[in-house]
Amino acid sequence: TGHTIAEQLVKERLSACVTVSAASQSFYWWQGKISNEKEHILFIKTKATLFTDLEKKIEEIHPYEIPEIVALPFREGSTKYLNWIEKETKD
């Protein structure tokens, strides 16, 4: 699932790059009980203006009813890298 989502986000230029982590075990409350699953963390590099479209796309593809989608803003980054993200994502 993680690889499918990553490829789709890059293909649609909602992200310039997606890094898929190795599988981790997540424990969480779901429907009144503690559940656990192997999950991948996706580090999605994009711009803030695409967040809403990106969120909709992930919700469309992801099998979870409530996938974890959070945004962490860039405090700083190399100018070349940030320019590359701007260039490689849709307007």
PDB file of N, CA and C in Angstrom:
ATOM      1  N   THR A   1       0.816  -1.204   0.000  1.00  0.00           N
ATOM      2  CA  THR A   1       0.000   0.000   0.000  1.00  0.00           C
ATOM      3  C   THR A   1       0.854   1.259   0.000  1.00  0.00           C
ATOM      4  N   GLY A   2       1.892   1.297   0.843  1.00  0.00           N
ATOM      5  CA  GLY A   2       2.759   2.471   0.909  1.00  0.00           C
ATOM      6  C   GLY A   2       3.419   2.783  -0.412  1.00  0.00           C
ATOM      7  N   HIS A   3       3.906   1.737  -1.080  1.00  0.00           N
ATOM      8  CA  HIS A   3       4.571   1.945  -2.365  1.00  0.00           C
ATOM      9  C   HIS A   3       3.578   2.411  -3.431  1.00  0.00           C
ATOM     10  N   THR A   4       2.378   1.865  -3.397  1.00  0.00           N
ATOM     11  CA  THR A   4       1.341   2.270  -4.352  1.00  0.00           C
ATOM     12  C   THR A   4       0.976   3.739  -4.162  1.00  0.00           C
ATOM     13  N   ILE A   5       0.784   4.135  -2.915  1.00  0.00           N
ATOM     14  CA  ILE A   5       0.452   5.534  -2.618  1.00  0.00           C
ATOM     15  C   ILE A   5       1.593   6.444  -3.046  1.00  0.00           C
ATOM     16  N   ALA A   6       2.825   6.073  -2.706  1.00  0.00           N
ATOM     17  CA  ALA A   6       3.993   6.888  -3.056  1.00  0.00           C
ATOM     18  C   ALA A   6       4.076   7.104  -4.560  1.00  0.00           C
ATOM     19  N   GLU A   7       3.955   6.019  -5.310  1.00  0.00           N
ATOM     20  CA  GLU A   7       4.060   6.131  -6.773  1.00  0.00           C
ATOM     21  C   GLU A   7       2.955   7.014  -7.346  1.00  0.00           C
ATOM     22  N   GLN A   8       1.739   6.868  -6.843  1.00  0.00           N
ATOM     23  CA  GLN A   8       0.618   7.657  -7.349  1.00  0.00           C
ATOM     24  C   GLN A   8       0.790   9.143  -7.047  1.00  0.00           C
ATOM     25  N   LEU A   9       1.257   9.467  -5.853  1.00  0.00           N
ATOM     26  CA  LEU A   9       1.450  10.880  -5.488  1.00  0.00           C
ATOM     27  C   LEU A   9       2.506  11.546  -6.362  1.00  0.00           C
ATOM     28  N   VAL A  10       3.583  10.823  -6.652  1.00  0.00           N
ATOM     29  CA  VAL A  10       4.634  11.380  -7.512  1.00  0.00           C
ATOM     30  C   VAL A  10       4.135  11.460  -8.955  1.00  0.00           C
ATOM     31  N   LYS A  11       3.471  10.407  -9.413  1.00  0.00           N
ATOM     32  CA  LYS A  11       2.944  10.383 -10.785  1.00  0.00           C
ATOM     33  C   LYS A  11       2.012  11.565 -11.047  1.00  0.00           C
ATOM     34  N   GLU A  12       1.167  11.882 -10.069  1.00  0.00           N
ATOM     35  CA  GLU A  12       0.213  12.988 -10.232  1.00  0.00           C
ATOM     36  C   GLU A  12       0.798  14.340  -9.839  1.00  0.00           C
ATOM     37  N   ARG A  13       2.094  14.357  -9.524  1.00  0.00           N
ATOM     38  CA  ARG A  13       2.826  15.571  -9.153  1.00  0.00           C
ATOM     39  C   ARG A  13       2.242  16.275  -7.925  1.00  0.00           C
ATOM     40  N   LEU A  14       1.651  15.466  -7.042  1.00  0.00           N
ATOM     41  CA  LEU A  14       1.225  15.990  -5.750  1.00  0.00           C
ATOM     42  C   LEU A  14       2.400  16.028  -4.791  1.00  0.00           C
ATOM     43  N   SER A  15       3.460  15.331  -5.152  1.00  0.00           N
ATOM     44  CA  SER A  15       4.693  15.305  -4.372  1.00  0.00           C
ATOM     45  C   SER A  15       5.874  15.204  -5.321  1.00  0.00           C
ATOM     46  N   ALA A  16       6.962  15.866  -4.953  1.00  0.00           N
ATOM     47  CA  ALA A  16       8.190  15.755  -5.744  1.00  0.00           C
ATOM     48  C   ALA A  16       8.920  14.462  -5.410  1.00  0.00           C
ATOM     49  N   CYS A  17       8.747  13.986  -4.174  1.00  0.00           N
ATOM     50  CA  CYS A  17       9.456  12.799  -3.701  1.00  0.00           C
ATOM     51  C   CYS A  17       8.700  12.214  -2.515  1.00  0.00           C
ATOM     52  N   VAL A  18       8.633  10.894  -2.467  1.00  0.00           N
ATOM     53  CA  VAL A  18       8.071  10.207  -1.305  1.00  0.00           C
ATOM     54  C   VAL A  18       9.076   9.153  -0.862  1.00  0.00           C
ATOM     55  N   THR A  19       9.466   9.205   0.391  1.00  0.00           N
ATOM     56  CA  THR A  19      10.345   8.199   0.974  1.00  0.00           C
ATOM     57  C   THR A  19       9.479   7.253   1.795  1.00  0.00           C
ATOM     58  N   VAL A  20       9.575   5.956   1.502  1.00  0.00           N
ATOM     59  CA  VAL A  20       8.793   4.941   2.207  1.00  0.00           C
ATOM     60  C   VAL A  20       9.704   4.260   3.220  1.00  0.00           C
ATOM     61  N   SER A  21       9.338   4.332   4.498  1.00  0.00           N
ATOM     62  CA  SER A  21      10.145   3.720   5.555  1.00  0.00           C
ATOM     63  C   SER A  21       9.983   2.203   5.533  1.00  0.00           C
ATOM     64  N   ALA A  22      10.893   1.530   6.213  1.00  0.00           N
ATOM     65  CA  ALA A  22      10.730   0.095   6.439  1.00  0.00           C
ATOM     66  C   ALA A  22       9.497  -0.101   7.317  1.00  0.00           C
ATOM     67  N   ALA A  23       8.909  -1.272   7.265  1.00  0.00           N
ATOM     68  CA  ALA A  23       7.706  -1.537   8.053  1.00  0.00           C
ATOM     69  C   ALA A  23       7.991  -1.415   9.546  1.00  0.00           C
ATOM     70  N   SER A  24       7.058  -0.794  10.249  1.00  0.00           N
ATOM     71  CA  SER A  24       7.102  -0.657  11.706  1.00  0.00           C
ATOM     72  C   SER A  24       5.802  -1.224  12.261  1.00  0.00           C
ATOM     73  N   GLN A  25       5.819  -1.585  13.515  1.00  0.00           N
ATOM     74  CA  GLN A  25       4.606  -2.083  14.160  1.00  0.00           C
ATOM     75  C   GLN A  25       3.914  -0.925  14.863  1.00  0.00           C
ATOM     76  N   SER A  26       2.663  -0.670  14.533  1.00  0.00           N
ATOM     77  CA  SER A  26       1.875   0.391  15.159  1.00  0.00           C
ATOM     78  C   SER A  26       0.803  -0.226  16.050  1.00  0.00           C
ATOM     79  N   PHE A  27       0.645   0.352  17.234  1.00  0.00           N
ATOM     80  CA  PHE A  27      -0.393  -0.059  18.173  1.00  0.00           C
ATOM     81  C   PHE A  27      -1.326   1.122  18.361  1.00  0.00           C
ATOM     82  N   TYR A  28      -2.640   0.866  18.307  1.00  0.00           N
ATOM     83  CA  TYR A  28      -3.598   1.966  18.358  1.00  0.00           C
ATOM     84  C   TYR A  28      -4.972   1.450  18.783  1.00  0.00           C
ATOM     85  N   TRP A  29      -5.793   2.396  19.254  1.00  0.00           N
ATOM     86  CA  TRP A  29      -7.179   2.070  19.573  1.00  0.00           C
ATOM     87  C   TRP A  29      -7.999   2.086  18.292  1.00  0.00           C
ATOM     88  N   TRP A  30      -8.816   1.044  18.090  1.00  0.00           N
ATOM     89  CA  TRP A  30      -9.726   1.024  16.955  1.00  0.00           C
ATOM     90  C   TRP A  30     -10.958   0.217  17.339  1.00  0.00           C
ATOM     91  N   GLN A  31     -12.105   0.826  17.219  1.00  0.00           N
ATOM     92  CA  GLN A  31     -13.393   0.206  17.510  1.00  0.00           C
ATOM     93  C   GLN A  31     -13.415  -0.432  18.904  1.00  0.00           C
ATOM     94  N   GLY A  32     -12.910   0.320  19.891  1.00  0.00           N
ATOM     95  CA  GLY A  32     -12.997  -0.081  21.279  1.00  0.00           C
ATOM     96  C   GLY A  32     -11.961  -1.066  21.775  1.00  0.00           C
ATOM     97  N   LYS A  33     -10.971  -1.393  20.934  1.00  0.00           N
ATOM     98  CA  LYS A  33      -9.930  -2.309  21.399  1.00  0.00           C
ATOM     99  C   LYS A  33      -8.574  -1.894  20.833  1.00  0.00           C
ATOM    100  N   ILE A  34      -7.533  -2.402  21.461  1.00  0.00           N
ATOM    101  CA  ILE A  34      -6.184  -2.111  20.972  1.00  0.00           C
ATOM    102  C   ILE A  34      -5.885  -3.029  19.791  1.00  0.00           C
ATOM    103  N   SER A  35      -5.478  -2.422  18.694  1.00  0.00           N
ATOM    104  CA  SER A  35      -5.112  -3.154  17.482  1.00  0.00           C
ATOM    105  C   SER A  35      -3.647  -2.907  17.190  1.00  0.00           C
ATOM    106  N   ASN A  36      -3.077  -3.735  16.340  1.00  0.00           N
ATOM    107  CA  ASN A  36      -1.719  -3.463  15.865  1.00  0.00           C
ATOM    108  C   ASN A  36      -1.566  -3.989  14.457  1.00  0.00           C
ATOM    109  N   GLU A  37      -0.790  -3.265  13.694  1.00  0.00           N
ATOM    110  CA  GLU A  37      -0.545  -3.583  12.286  1.00  0.00           C
ATOM    111  C   GLU A  37       0.870  -3.180  11.919  1.00  0.00           C
ATOM    112  N   LYS A  38       1.412  -3.848  10.923  1.00  0.00           N
ATOM    113  CA  LYS A  38       2.659  -3.372  10.330  1.00  0.00           C
ATOM    114  C   LYS A  38       2.293  -2.248   9.375  1.00  0.00           C
ATOM    115  N   GLU A  39       3.001  -1.147   9.491  1.00  0.00           N
ATOM    116  CA  GLU A  39       2.722   0.022   8.658  1.00  0.00           C
ATOM    117  C   GLU A  39       4.031   0.640   8.173  1.00  0.00           C
ATOM    118  N   HIS A  40       3.921   1.405   7.108  1.00  0.00           N
ATOM    119  CA  HIS A  40       5.052   2.170   6.585  1.00  0.00           C
ATOM    120  C   HIS A  40       4.768   3.649   6.811  1.00  0.00           C
ATOM    121  N   ILE A  41       5.789   4.392   7.188  1.00  0.00           N
ATOM    122  CA  ILE A  41       5.666   5.847   7.262  1.00  0.00           C
ATOM    123  C   ILE A  41       6.099   6.404   5.912  1.00  0.00           C
ATOM    124  N   LEU A  42       5.293   7.286   5.359  1.00  0.00           N
ATOM    125  CA  LEU A  42       5.640   7.943   4.100  1.00  0.00           C
ATOM    126  C   LEU A  42       6.047   9.374   4.410  1.00  0.00           C
ATOM    127  N   PHE A  43       7.247   9.734   3.998  1.00  0.00           N
ATOM    128  CA  PHE A  43       7.713  11.116   4.107  1.00  0.00           C
ATOM    129  C   PHE A  43       7.465  11.744   2.744  1.00  0.00           C
ATOM    130  N   ILE A  44       6.446  12.582   2.676  1.00  0.00           N
ATOM    131  CA  ILE A  44       5.969  13.138   1.411  1.00  0.00           C
ATOM    132  C   ILE A  44       6.444  14.577   1.303  1.00  0.00           C
ATOM    133  N   LYS A  45       7.284  14.835   0.315  1.00  0.00           N
ATOM    134  CA  LYS A  45       7.829  16.181   0.134  1.00  0.00           C
ATOM    135  C   LYS A  45       7.001  16.924  -0.909  1.00  0.00           C
ATOM    136  N   THR A  46       6.317  17.955  -0.444  1.00  0.00           N
ATOM    137  CA  THR A  46       5.440  18.717  -1.315  1.00  0.00           C
ATOM    138  C   THR A  46       5.355  20.147  -0.803  1.00  0.00           C
ATOM    139  N   LYS A  47       4.448  20.909  -1.357  1.00  0.00           N
ATOM    140  CA  LYS A  47       4.244  22.283  -0.885  1.00  0.00           C
ATOM    141  C   LYS A  47       2.878  22.385  -0.211  1.00  0.00           C
ATOM    142  N   ALA A  48       2.754  23.335   0.681  1.00  0.00           N
ATOM    143  CA  ALA A  48       1.548  23.474   1.504  1.00  0.00           C
ATOM    144  C   ALA A  48       0.283  23.639   0.666  1.00  0.00           C
ATOM    145  N   THR A  49       0.391  24.281  -0.473  1.00  0.00           N
ATOM    146  CA  THR A  49      -0.789  24.530  -1.308  1.00  0.00           C
ATOM    147  C   THR A  49      -1.385  23.248  -1.879  1.00  0.00           C
ATOM    148  N   LEU A  50      -0.640  22.151  -1.854  1.00  0.00           N
ATOM    149  CA  LEU A  50      -1.145  20.883  -2.390  1.00  0.00           C
ATOM    150  C   LEU A  50      -1.688  19.949  -1.309  1.00  0.00           C
ATOM    151  N   PHE A  51      -1.656  20.377  -0.047  1.00  0.00           N
ATOM    152  CA  PHE A  51      -2.044  19.472   1.039  1.00  0.00           C
ATOM    153  C   PHE A  51      -3.460  18.924   0.875  1.00  0.00           C
ATOM    154  N   THR A  52      -4.421  19.760   0.574  1.00  0.00           N
ATOM    155  CA  THR A  52      -5.810  19.303   0.465  1.00  0.00           C
ATOM    156  C   THR A  52      -5.965  18.258  -0.630  1.00  0.00           C
ATOM    157  N   ASP A  53      -5.376  18.491  -1.795  1.00  0.00           N
ATOM    158  CA  ASP A  53      -5.443  17.517  -2.890  1.00  0.00           C
ATOM    159  C   ASP A  53      -4.722  16.225  -2.513  1.00  0.00           C
ATOM    160  N   LEU A  54      -3.584  16.362  -1.863  1.00  0.00           N
ATOM    161  CA  LEU A  54      -2.804  15.205  -1.433  1.00  0.00           C
ATOM    162  C   LEU A  54      -3.602  14.378  -0.416  1.00  0.00           C
ATOM    163  N   GLU A  55      -4.220  15.043   0.532  1.00  0.00           N
ATOM    164  CA  GLU A  55      -5.038  14.362   1.542  1.00  0.00           C
ATOM    165  C   GLU A  55      -6.177  13.578   0.883  1.00  0.00           C
ATOM    166  N   LYS A  56      -6.867  14.191  -0.055  1.00  0.00           N
ATOM    167  CA  LYS A  56      -7.967  13.518  -0.760  1.00  0.00           C
ATOM    168  C   LYS A  56      -7.474  12.285  -1.508  1.00  0.00           C
ATOM    169  N   LYS A  57      -6.332  12.401  -2.158  1.00  0.00           N
ATOM    170  CA  LYS A  57      -5.785  11.278  -2.919  1.00  0.00           C
ATOM    171  C   LYS A  57      -5.417  10.122  -1.995  1.00  0.00           C
ATOM    172  N   ILE A  58      -4.770  10.421  -0.871  1.00  0.00           N
ATOM    173  CA  ILE A  58      -4.399   9.361   0.077  1.00  0.00           C
ATOM    174  C   ILE A  58      -5.656   8.680   0.611  1.00  0.00           C
ATOM    175  N   GLU A  59      -6.660   9.449   0.987  1.00  0.00           N
ATOM    176  CA  GLU A  59      -7.908   8.868   1.495  1.00  0.00           C
ATOM    177  C   GLU A  59      -8.593   8.003   0.440  1.00  0.00           C
ATOM    178  N   GLU A  60      -8.448   8.365  -0.814  1.00  0.00           N
ATOM    179  CA  GLU A  60      -9.035   7.603  -1.919  1.00  0.00           C
ATOM    180  C   GLU A  60      -8.344   6.240  -2.087  1.00  0.00           C
ATOM    181  N   ILE A  61      -7.030   6.204  -1.911  1.00  0.00           N
ATOM    182  CA  ILE A  61      -6.241   4.994  -2.161  1.00  0.00           C
ATOM    183  C   ILE A  61      -6.088   4.123  -0.919  1.00  0.00           C
ATOM    184  N   HIS A  62      -5.930   4.734   0.239  1.00  0.00           N
ATOM    185  CA  HIS A  62      -5.565   4.010   1.465  1.00  0.00           C
ATOM    186  C   HIS A  62      -6.706   3.103   1.936  1.00  0.00           C
ATOM    187  N   PRO A  63      -6.391   1.887   2.380  1.00  0.00           N
ATOM    188  CA  PRO A  63      -7.447   0.971   2.826  1.00  0.00           C
ATOM    189  C   PRO A  63      -8.043   1.313   4.201  1.00  0.00           C
ATOM    190  N   TYR A  64      -7.350   2.111   5.013  1.00  0.00           N
ATOM    191  CA  TYR A  64      -7.873   2.457   6.338  1.00  0.00           C
ATOM    192  C   TYR A  64      -9.020   3.444   6.210  1.00  0.00           C
ATOM    193  N   GLU A  65      -9.982   3.326   7.101  1.00  0.00           N
ATOM    194  CA  GLU A  65     -11.085   4.278   7.158  1.00  0.00           C
ATOM    195  C   GLU A  65     -10.580   5.667   7.554  1.00  0.00           C
ATOM    196  N   ILE A  66      -9.596   5.700   8.464  1.00  0.00           N
ATOM    197  CA  ILE A  66      -9.001   6.965   8.916  1.00  0.00           C
ATOM    198  C   ILE A  66      -7.479   6.834   8.848  1.00  0.00           C
ATOM    199  N   PRO A  67      -6.880   7.051   7.672  1.00  0.00           N
ATOM    200  CA  PRO A  67      -5.416   6.975   7.599  1.00  0.00           C
ATOM    201  C   PRO A  67      -4.769   8.146   8.341  1.00  0.00           C
ATOM    202  N   GLU A  68      -3.585   7.907   8.869  1.00  0.00           N
ATOM    203  CA  GLU A  68      -2.848   8.983   9.549  1.00  0.00           C
ATOM    204  C   GLU A  68      -2.256   9.914   8.497  1.00  0.00           C
ATOM    205  N   ILE A  69      -2.751  11.124   8.454  1.00  0.00           N
ATOM    206  CA  ILE A  69      -2.251  12.131   7.520  1.00  0.00           C
ATOM    207  C   ILE A  69      -1.976  13.391   8.336  1.00  0.00           C
ATOM    208  N   VAL A  70      -0.721  13.716   8.513  1.00  0.00           N
ATOM    209  CA  VAL A  70      -0.334  14.919   9.248  1.00  0.00           C
ATOM    210  C   VAL A  70       0.706  15.675   8.432  1.00  0.00           C
ATOM    211  N   ALA A  71       0.728  16.981   8.589  1.00  0.00           N
ATOM    212  CA  ALA A  71       1.693  17.816   7.875  1.00  0.00           C
ATOM    213  C   ALA A  71       2.660  18.430   8.874  1.00  0.00           C
ATOM    214  N   LEU A  72       3.922  18.312   8.577  1.00  0.00           N
ATOM    215  CA  LEU A  72       4.973  18.945   9.368  1.00  0.00           C
ATOM    216  C   LEU A  72       5.642  19.977   8.472  1.00  0.00           C
ATOM    217  N   PRO A  73       5.558  21.249   8.822  1.00  0.00           N
ATOM    218  CA  PRO A  73       6.128  22.276   7.945  1.00  0.00           C
ATOM    219  C   PRO A  73       7.653  22.244   7.952  1.00  0.00           C
ATOM    220  N   PHE A  74       8.220  22.628   6.819  1.00  0.00           N
ATOM    221  CA  PHE A  74       9.672  22.804   6.741  1.00  0.00           C
ATOM    222  C   PHE A  74      10.017  24.067   7.509  1.00  0.00           C
ATOM    223  N   ARG A  75      10.915  23.973   8.454  1.00  0.00           N
ATOM    224  CA  ARG A  75      11.421  25.194   9.102  1.00  0.00           C
ATOM    225  C   ARG A  75      12.452  25.835   8.202  1.00  0.00           C
ATOM    226  N   GLU A  76      13.314  25.007   7.687  1.00  0.00           N
ATOM    227  CA  GLU A  76      14.348  25.468   6.771  1.00  0.00           C
ATOM    228  C   GLU A  76      14.708  24.319   5.848  1.00  0.00           C
ATOM    229  N   GLY A  77      15.359  24.646   4.763  1.00  0.00           N
ATOM    230  CA  GLY A  77      15.834  23.636   3.828  1.00  0.00           C
ATOM    231  C   GLY A  77      16.757  24.297   2.836  1.00  0.00           C
ATOM    232  N   SER A  78      17.521  23.481   2.145  1.00  0.00           N
ATOM    233  CA  SER A  78      18.422  24.072   1.155  1.00  0.00           C
ATOM    234  C   SER A  78      17.588  24.712   0.049  1.00  0.00           C
ATOM    235  N   THR A  79      18.022  25.843  -0.398  1.00  0.00           N
ATOM    236  CA  THR A  79      17.303  26.566  -1.447  1.00  0.00           C
ATOM    237  C   THR A  79      17.152  25.704  -2.688  1.00  0.00           C
ATOM    238  N   LYS A  80      18.205  24.998  -3.064  1.00  0.00           N
ATOM    239  CA  LYS A  80      18.138  24.141  -4.257  1.00  0.00           C
ATOM    240  C   LYS A  80      17.065  23.063  -4.102  1.00  0.00           C
ATOM    241  N   TYR A  81      17.014  22.439  -2.931  1.00  0.00           N
ATOM    242  CA  TYR A  81      16.036  21.367  -2.712  1.00  0.00           C
ATOM    243  C   TYR A  81      14.613  21.912  -2.714  1.00  0.00           C
ATOM    244  N   LEU A  82      14.380  23.009  -2.020  1.00  0.00           N
ATOM    245  CA  LEU A  82      13.043  23.593  -1.977  1.00  0.00           C
ATOM    246  C   LEU A  82      12.601  24.082  -3.354  1.00  0.00           C
ATOM    247  N   ASN A  83      13.518  24.622  -4.130  1.00  0.00           N
ATOM    248  CA  ASN A  83      13.204  25.025  -5.506  1.00  0.00           C
ATOM    249  C   ASN A  83      12.855  23.812  -6.358  1.00  0.00           C
ATOM    250  N   TRP A  84      13.564  22.701  -6.124  1.00  0.00           N
ATOM    251  CA  TRP A  84      13.294  21.463  -6.860  1.00  0.00           C
ATOM    252  C   TRP A  84      11.883  20.958  -6.549  1.00  0.00           C
ATOM    253  N   ILE A  85      11.484  20.995  -5.279  1.00  0.00           N
ATOM    254  CA  ILE A  85      10.122  20.587  -4.910  1.00  0.00           C
ATOM    255  C   ILE A  85       9.103  21.463  -5.628  1.00  0.00           C
ATOM    256  N   GLU A  86       9.335  22.751  -5.635  1.00  0.00           N
ATOM    257  CA  GLU A  86       8.435  23.688  -6.313  1.00  0.00           C
ATOM    258  C   GLU A  86       8.324  23.356  -7.800  1.00  0.00           C
ATOM    259  N   LYS A  87       9.457  23.056  -8.430  1.00  0.00           N
ATOM    260  CA  LYS A  87       9.503  22.776  -9.872  1.00  0.00           C
ATOM    261  C   LYS A  87       8.817  21.456 -10.225  1.00  0.00           C
ATOM    262  N   GLU A  88       8.961  20.447  -9.371  1.00  0.00           N
ATOM    263  CA  GLU A  88       8.497  19.101  -9.707  1.00  0.00           C
ATOM    264  C   GLU A  88       7.075  18.788  -9.256  1.00  0.00           C
ATOM    265  N   THR A  89       6.414  19.730  -8.599  1.00  0.00           N
ATOM    266  CA  THR A  89       5.022  19.523  -8.213  1.00  0.00           C
ATOM    267  C   THR A  89       4.131  20.429  -9.048  1.00  0.00           C
ATOM    268  N   LYS A  90       2.869  20.019  -9.139  1.00  0.00           N
ATOM    269  CA  LYS A  90       1.960  20.803  -9.987  1.00  0.00           C
ATOM    270  C   LYS A  90       1.641  22.150  -9.359  1.00  0.00           C
ATOM    271  N   ASP A  91       1.207  23.076 -10.214  1.00  0.00           N
ATOM    272  CA  ASP A  91       0.861  24.432  -9.750  1.00  0.00           C
ATOM    273  C   ASP A  91      -0.484  24.452  -9.078  1.00  0.00           C
TER     274      ASP A  91
END
